[in-house]
Amino acid sequence: AKQDIASGVVTVITATGKTESPSLAPNGRMVIYTYEGEDQSTLNIVSTDGEVHLRLPLRAGQVQEPVWSPFLE
């Protein structure tokens, strides 16, 4: 979820369920996080405006603590 500091409005931007370990992209536009589904974990990315949702399923293993690399100019 994200919260507008000025208005206090909270907006949920991820899918429902068990989402963990959010990490904000260096440019502030995307959030990467893990989602624990019934049968597998996935790596997910969502834009901070909630418009873009990407799901990157795994063939094997588990996703734990995803993070973005540093911003490079």
C-alpha atoms as a PDB file:
ATOM      1  CA  ALA A   1       0.000   0.000   0.000  1.00  0.00           C
ATOM      2  CA  LYS A   2       1.032   3.596  -0.346  1.00  0.00           C
ATOM      3  CA  GLN A   3      -0.081   6.619   1.621  1.00  0.00           C
ATOM      4  CA  ASP A   4      -0.386  10.212   0.474  1.00  0.00           C
ATOM      5  CA  ILE A   5       1.229  12.169   3.283  1.00  0.00           C
ATOM      6  CA  ALA A   6      -0.762  15.376   2.672  1.00  0.00           C
ATOM      7  CA  SER A   7      -4.229  13.790   2.587  1.00  0.00           C
ATOM      8  CA  GLY A   8      -3.576  10.619   4.598  1.00  0.00           C
ATOM      9  CA  VAL A   9      -5.304   8.513   1.923  1.00  0.00           C
ATOM     10  CA  VAL A  10      -4.038   4.914   1.763  1.00  0.00           C
ATOM     11  CA  THR A  11      -4.166   3.065  -1.577  1.00  0.00           C
ATOM     12  CA  VAL A  12      -3.536  -0.678  -1.896  1.00  0.00           C
ATOM     13  CA  ILE A  13      -1.419  -1.307  -5.004  1.00  0.00           C
ATOM     14  CA  THR A  14      -0.609  -5.044  -4.671  1.00  0.00           C
ATOM     15  CA  ALA A  15      -2.664  -8.188  -5.111  1.00  0.00           C
ATOM     16  CA  THR A  16      -4.407  -9.586  -2.068  1.00  0.00           C
ATOM     17  CA  GLY A  17      -2.675 -12.364  -0.212  1.00  0.00           C
ATOM     18  CA  LYS A  18       0.654 -12.778   1.436  1.00  0.00           C
ATOM     19  CA  THR A  19       2.980 -10.099   0.062  1.00  0.00           C
ATOM     20  CA  GLU A  20       6.400  -9.643   1.653  1.00  0.00           C
ATOM     21  CA  SER A  21       9.668  -7.722   1.449  1.00  0.00           C
ATOM     22  CA  PRO A  22       8.733  -4.680  -0.646  1.00  0.00           C
ATOM     23  CA  SER A  23      11.619  -2.722  -2.144  1.00  0.00           C
ATOM     24  CA  LEU A  24      11.169   0.665  -3.821  1.00  0.00           C
ATOM     25  CA  ALA A  25      13.091   1.212  -7.074  1.00  0.00           C
ATOM     26  CA  PRO A  26      15.777   3.916  -6.999  1.00  0.00           C
ATOM     27  CA  ASN A  27      13.636   6.106  -9.304  1.00  0.00           C
ATOM     28  CA  GLY A  28      10.624   5.743  -6.966  1.00  0.00           C
ATOM     29  CA  ARG A  29       8.310   4.438  -9.712  1.00  0.00           C
ATOM     30  CA  MET A  30       8.199   0.668  -9.084  1.00  0.00           C
ATOM     31  CA  VAL A  31       8.019  -1.692  -6.113  1.00  0.00           C
ATOM     32  CA  ILE A  32       9.384  -5.242  -6.225  1.00  0.00           C
ATOM     33  CA  TYR A  33       8.069  -7.767  -3.693  1.00  0.00           C
ATOM     34  CA  THR A  34       7.454 -11.474  -3.112  1.00  0.00           C
ATOM     35  CA  TYR A  35       4.016 -13.047  -3.212  1.00  0.00           C
ATOM     36  CA  GLU A  36       3.367 -16.353  -1.472  1.00  0.00           C
ATOM     37  CA  GLY A  37       0.599 -18.126  -3.398  1.00  0.00           C
ATOM     38  CA  GLU A  38      -0.993 -21.459  -2.601  1.00  0.00           C
ATOM     39  CA  ASP A  39       1.376 -23.489  -4.761  1.00  0.00           C
ATOM     40  CA  GLN A  40       4.441 -21.277  -5.314  1.00  0.00           C
ATOM     41  CA  SER A  41       6.139 -17.989  -4.578  1.00  0.00           C
ATOM     42  CA  THR A  42       6.582 -15.381  -7.283  1.00  0.00           C
ATOM     43  CA  LEU A  43       8.555 -12.230  -7.781  1.00  0.00           C
ATOM     44  CA  ASN A  44       6.200  -9.335  -8.486  1.00  0.00           C
ATOM     45  CA  ILE A  45       6.629  -5.761  -9.629  1.00  0.00           C
ATOM     46  CA  VAL A  46       3.990  -3.037  -9.373  1.00  0.00           C
ATOM     47  CA  SER A  47       4.138   0.629 -10.347  1.00  0.00           C
ATOM     48  CA  THR A  48       3.599   3.087  -7.517  1.00  0.00           C
ATOM     49  CA  ASP A  49       0.454   4.345  -9.255  1.00  0.00           C
ATOM     50  CA  GLY A  50      -0.909   0.760  -9.297  1.00  0.00           C
ATOM     51  CA  GLU A  51      -1.361   0.732 -13.082  1.00  0.00           C
ATOM     52  CA  VAL A  52       1.369  -1.785 -14.016  1.00  0.00           C
ATOM     53  CA  HIS A  53       1.491  -5.283 -12.485  1.00  0.00           C
ATOM     54  CA  LEU A  54       4.131  -7.836 -13.491  1.00  0.00           C
ATOM     55  CA  ARG A  55       4.409 -11.400 -12.190  1.00  0.00           C
ATOM     56  CA  LEU A  56       7.601 -13.370 -12.677  1.00  0.00           C
ATOM     57  CA  PRO A  57       6.934 -17.013 -11.746  1.00  0.00           C
ATOM     58  CA  LEU A  58       9.762 -19.345 -10.783  1.00  0.00           C
ATOM     59  CA  ARG A  59      10.398 -22.762 -12.222  1.00  0.00           C
ATOM     60  CA  ALA A  60      12.206 -23.886  -9.080  1.00  0.00           C
ATOM     61  CA  GLY A  61      13.246 -22.496  -5.704  1.00  0.00           C
ATOM     62  CA  GLN A  62      11.829 -19.646  -3.664  1.00  0.00           C
ATOM     63  CA  VAL A  63      11.994 -15.869  -3.738  1.00  0.00           C
ATOM     64  CA  GLN A  64      13.331 -14.201  -0.608  1.00  0.00           C
ATOM     65  CA  GLU A  65      14.095 -10.540   0.122  1.00  0.00           C
ATOM     66  CA  PRO A  66      14.185  -9.037  -3.393  1.00  0.00           C
ATOM     67  CA  VAL A  67      15.950  -5.687  -3.774  1.00  0.00           C
ATOM     68  CA  TRP A  68      16.820  -3.316  -6.616  1.00  0.00           C
ATOM     69  CA  SER A  69      20.410  -2.659  -7.596  1.00  0.00           C
ATOM     70  CA  PRO A  70      21.702   0.880  -6.974  1.00  0.00           C
ATOM     71  CA  PHE A  71      20.721   3.608  -9.411  1.00  0.00           C
ATOM     72  CA  LEU A  72      23.477   4.140 -11.968  1.00  0.00           C
ATOM     73  CA  GLU A  73      23.803   7.354 -13.934  1.00  0.00           C
END
